[in-house]
Protein backbone atom coordinates (compact mmCIF):
# COMPACT_ATOMS: atom_id res chain seq x y z
CA UNK A 1 -124.60 -7.69 -29.66
CA UNK A 2 -121.54 -5.52 -28.89
CA UNK A 3 -121.57 -1.88 -29.97
CA UNK A 4 -118.74 -0.33 -31.92
CA UNK A 5 -116.64 2.37 -30.30
CA UNK A 6 -117.42 5.60 -32.22
CA UNK A 7 -115.07 7.41 -34.59
CA UNK A 8 -112.46 9.43 -32.76
CA UNK A 9 -112.02 6.63 -30.22
CA UNK A 10 -110.67 3.08 -30.02
CA UNK A 11 -110.56 0.24 -27.50
CA UNK A 12 -107.45 -1.92 -27.02
CA UNK A 13 -109.05 -4.02 -24.24
CA UNK A 14 -111.78 -6.60 -23.67
CA UNK A 15 -114.76 -6.37 -21.34
CA UNK A 16 -115.86 -2.78 -21.93
CA UNK A 17 -119.25 -2.07 -20.42
CA UNK A 18 -120.01 1.44 -21.68
CA UNK A 19 -119.11 3.82 -24.50
CA UNK A 20 -117.14 5.78 -21.91
CA UNK A 21 -114.75 2.84 -21.77
CA UNK A 22 -113.70 3.63 -25.34
CA UNK A 23 -110.43 5.58 -25.35
CA UNK A 24 -110.12 9.01 -27.01
CA UNK A 25 -107.85 8.86 -30.01
CA UNK A 26 -104.19 9.45 -29.10
CA UNK A 27 -102.85 12.99 -29.69
CA UNK A 28 -100.86 13.07 -32.93
CA UNK A 29 -102.99 10.29 -34.43
CA UNK A 30 -106.53 9.83 -35.77
CA UNK A 31 -109.29 7.23 -35.49
CA UNK A 32 -111.18 7.29 -38.76
CA UNK A 33 -113.79 4.58 -38.35
CA UNK A 34 -115.90 2.81 -35.74
CA UNK A 35 -114.97 -0.33 -33.85
CA UNK A 36 -111.21 0.23 -33.82
CA UNK A 37 -108.87 -1.64 -31.49
CA UNK A 38 -106.01 0.75 -32.32
CA UNK A 39 -105.61 4.14 -33.97
CA UNK A 40 -105.92 4.46 -37.74
CA UNK A 41 -102.56 6.20 -38.16
CA UNK A 42 -100.60 9.39 -37.68
CA UNK A 43 -101.75 12.93 -38.30
CA UNK A 44 -100.62 14.14 -41.73
CA UNK A 45 -97.69 16.54 -42.30
CA UNK A 46 -98.86 20.17 -42.12
CA UNK A 47 -101.61 19.38 -39.60
CA UNK A 48 -101.72 18.66 -35.89
CA UNK A 49 -104.11 16.40 -34.00
CA UNK A 50 -104.66 17.35 -30.33
CA UNK A 51 -106.64 14.16 -29.65
CA UNK A 52 -110.02 12.57 -30.46
CA UNK A 53 -109.53 13.29 -34.18
CA UNK A 54 -111.41 11.38 -36.89
CA UNK A 55 -109.32 12.38 -39.96
CA UNK A 56 -105.59 12.60 -40.66
CA UNK A 57 -105.83 16.22 -41.86
CA UNK A 58 -108.33 18.10 -39.67
CA UNK A 59 -109.01 21.48 -41.30
CA UNK A 60 -109.47 23.15 -37.91
CA UNK A 61 -105.90 22.18 -37.05
CA UNK A 62 -104.07 23.24 -40.19
CA UNK A 63 -100.59 24.36 -39.15
CA UNK A 64 -100.49 28.17 -39.05
CA UNK A 65 -97.90 30.58 -40.44
CA UNK A 66 -94.78 30.91 -38.30
CA UNK A 67 -95.14 27.25 -37.28
CA UNK A 68 -94.43 23.75 -38.59
CA UNK A 69 -96.11 20.38 -38.10
CA UNK A 70 -94.28 17.13 -38.83
CA UNK A 71 -96.14 13.86 -39.31
CA UNK A 72 -97.80 12.78 -36.08
CA UNK A 73 -97.83 16.23 -34.47
CA UNK A 74 -100.04 16.66 -31.42
CA UNK A 75 -99.51 20.45 -31.53
CA UNK A 76 -97.89 22.95 -33.86
CA UNK A 77 -94.33 24.11 -33.15
CA UNK A 78 -92.99 27.67 -33.53
CA UNK A 79 -90.30 28.05 -36.18
CA UNK A 80 -86.91 28.08 -34.39
CA UNK A 81 -84.59 31.11 -34.52
CA UNK A 82 -83.00 31.56 -37.93
CA UNK A 83 -86.03 30.22 -39.79
CA UNK A 84 -89.48 31.43 -40.86
CA UNK A 85 -92.65 30.14 -42.49
CA UNK A 86 -95.09 32.41 -44.34
CA UNK A 87 -97.38 29.63 -45.66
CA UNK A 88 -99.92 27.56 -43.74
CA UNK A 89 -99.86 23.78 -43.62
CA UNK A 90 -96.11 23.14 -43.77
CA UNK A 91 -93.98 20.46 -42.15
CA UNK A 92 -90.83 22.54 -41.85
CA UNK A 93 -89.56 26.13 -41.86
CA UNK A 94 -87.45 28.04 -44.39
CA UNK A 95 -83.92 29.20 -43.64
CA UNK A 96 -83.76 32.94 -43.04
CA UNK A 97 -82.09 34.57 -46.09
CA UNK A 98 -78.92 36.65 -45.85
CA UNK A 99 -79.57 40.29 -45.00
CA UNK A 100 -82.51 39.39 -42.77
CA UNK A 101 -83.14 37.90 -39.33
CA UNK A 102 -85.89 35.54 -38.17
CA UNK A 103 -86.79 35.27 -34.48
CA UNK A 104 -90.04 35.77 -32.58
CA UNK A 105 -88.48 36.30 -29.13
CA UNK A 106 -88.61 40.09 -29.52
CA UNK A 107 -92.37 39.98 -30.06
CA UNK A 108 -92.06 40.62 -33.79
CA UNK A 109 -93.47 38.48 -36.59
CA UNK A 110 -90.03 37.74 -38.05
CA UNK A 111 -90.73 33.98 -37.76
CA UNK A 112 -93.53 34.60 -40.28
CA UNK A 113 -91.90 37.20 -42.53
CA UNK A 114 -88.15 37.77 -42.26
CA UNK A 115 -87.11 41.16 -40.84
CA UNK A 116 -84.39 43.32 -42.40
CA UNK A 117 -81.03 43.17 -40.61
CA UNK A 118 -80.62 46.45 -38.65
CA UNK A 119 -77.96 49.08 -39.29
CA UNK A 120 -74.62 48.46 -37.61
CA UNK A 121 -74.90 44.71 -38.14
CA UNK A 122 -74.78 42.09 -40.87
CA UNK A 123 -76.85 38.91 -41.09
CA UNK A 124 -75.62 35.78 -42.91
CA UNK A 125 -78.02 33.00 -43.93
CA UNK A 126 -79.90 31.53 -40.97
CA UNK A 127 -79.58 34.49 -38.60
CA UNK A 128 -81.89 34.57 -35.60
CA UNK A 129 -81.44 37.26 -32.97
CA UNK A 130 -77.65 36.80 -33.11
CA UNK A 131 -76.91 39.69 -35.47
CA UNK A 132 -73.21 40.06 -36.31
CA UNK A 133 -71.83 43.51 -35.39
CA UNK A 134 -69.65 45.50 -37.75
CA UNK A 135 -66.21 45.55 -36.13
CA UNK A 136 -64.20 48.47 -34.74
CA UNK A 137 -62.80 50.59 -37.55
CA UNK A 138 -65.96 50.05 -39.59
CA UNK A 139 -69.63 51.01 -39.38
CA UNK A 140 -72.91 49.84 -40.86
CA UNK A 141 -74.67 52.82 -42.39
CA UNK A 142 -77.16 50.68 -44.31
CA UNK A 143 -79.62 48.02 -43.17
CA UNK A 144 -79.83 44.61 -44.79
CA UNK A 145 -76.10 43.84 -44.88
CA UNK A 146 -75.31 40.19 -45.62
CA UNK A 147 -71.60 39.85 -44.80
CA UNK A 148 -68.84 41.59 -42.85
CA UNK A 149 -67.19 42.90 -46.01
CA UNK A 150 -70.28 45.05 -46.62
CA UNK A 151 -69.60 47.08 -43.45
CA UNK A 152 -68.16 50.46 -44.48
CA UNK A 153 -64.56 51.27 -43.59
CA UNK A 154 -64.29 54.30 -41.34
CA UNK A 155 -63.62 57.26 -43.67
CA UNK A 156 -60.29 59.15 -43.74
CA UNK A 157 -59.95 61.76 -41.01
CA UNK A 158 -62.43 59.98 -38.75
CA UNK A 159 -62.44 57.00 -36.39
CA UNK A 160 -64.91 54.25 -35.40
CA UNK A 161 -64.18 53.16 -31.83
CA UNK A 162 -66.89 50.56 -31.15
CA UNK A 163 -68.67 47.64 -32.71
CA UNK A 164 -72.12 47.97 -34.29
CA UNK A 165 -71.80 51.67 -35.14
CA UNK A 166 -74.16 53.26 -37.66
CA UNK A 167 -71.87 56.27 -38.21
CA UNK A 168 -68.28 57.19 -37.28
CA UNK A 169 -67.53 58.05 -33.65
CA UNK A 170 -65.88 61.36 -34.50
CA UNK A 171 -62.88 63.09 -36.05
CA UNK A 172 -59.24 62.11 -35.62
CA UNK A 173 -57.66 64.31 -32.92
CA UNK A 174 -55.32 67.17 -33.72
CA UNK A 175 -51.71 65.97 -33.81
CA UNK A 176 -52.65 62.74 -35.55
CA UNK A 177 -53.81 61.68 -39.00
CA UNK A 178 -56.23 58.89 -39.88
CA UNK A 179 -56.00 57.48 -43.39
CA UNK A 180 -59.20 55.40 -43.01
CA UNK A 181 -60.40 52.31 -41.19
CA UNK A 182 -59.26 53.63 -37.81
CA UNK A 183 -60.66 52.53 -34.46
CA UNK A 184 -58.99 55.25 -32.38
CA UNK A 185 -58.70 59.04 -32.56
CA UNK A 186 -55.00 58.85 -31.66
CA UNK A 187 -53.46 56.17 -33.89
CA UNK A 188 -49.79 55.25 -33.45
CA UNK A 189 -47.98 53.22 -36.10
CA UNK A 190 -45.52 51.11 -34.12
CA UNK A 191 -44.37 49.39 -37.29
CA UNK A 192 -42.61 52.63 -38.35
CA UNK A 193 -44.44 52.73 -41.67
CA UNK A 194 -44.42 56.20 -43.22
CA UNK A 195 -47.02 56.19 -45.98
CA UNK A 196 -49.54 53.37 -45.55
CA UNK A 197 -50.67 53.69 -41.93
CA UNK A 198 -52.32 56.24 -39.65
CA UNK A 199 -49.94 57.75 -37.13
CA UNK A 200 -48.88 60.66 -34.96
CA UNK A 201 -48.14 63.77 -37.00
CA UNK A 202 -44.45 63.61 -38.06
CA UNK A 203 -41.71 66.22 -37.68
CA UNK A 204 -42.01 69.03 -40.24
CA UNK A 205 -45.77 68.60 -40.62
CA UNK A 206 -48.93 69.67 -38.83
CA UNK A 207 -52.22 67.81 -38.45
CA UNK A 208 -55.42 69.69 -37.50
CA UNK A 209 -58.43 67.80 -36.14
CA UNK A 210 -59.88 65.47 -38.77
CA UNK A 211 -56.66 65.14 -40.79
CA UNK A 212 -56.45 62.24 -43.22
CA UNK A 213 -52.83 63.07 -44.19
CA UNK A 214 -50.16 65.28 -42.59
CA UNK A 215 -49.72 68.76 -44.03
CA UNK A 216 -46.17 70.06 -44.60
CA UNK A 217 -45.23 73.12 -42.58
CA UNK A 218 -44.94 76.17 -44.85
CA UNK A 219 -41.61 77.74 -45.65
């Protein structure tokens, strides 16, 4: 009388002589009964089956937070950059919300719980480690910015020379005036505008350091 291969195994061939000839259940699948000639089916969504499994949802292999397990998973996968998962037993990951970033490459747990976008940057939906820097002429004084328009314009009398600043670089140099949103301490208006652009201090006026408008010379 032939003996059945035990649960967790199957045998697709004839002529087996010993229980050791039974094959361990394929990773990503399960073998739920004895005497199988093929696997019973795939591991269930939210679980992973490393091999030799007897049920489709092994409790010891429930997909952990920060990971996802599709149907037929042999191992759990880390949520990719721009996503996170804060619940166990899921088959996919959530898109990182605007104002946050999600990426585990820096050693943080932001693939489990989204991390707040740092100052000097803004983070649209789905941001991983690729934070978007506030541009020259602006700065990011607050964390958690969602879009470029939330970066603060450099204040009048000051300039913001680099990307990703958290505060202005410094004051507009003497001899110039900065009306706001400037990326240089010595702005020159080559369009010849007289009232709506930062520029070199005009004739008949003087401009101390940090000037936002030229001051008329006294009589």
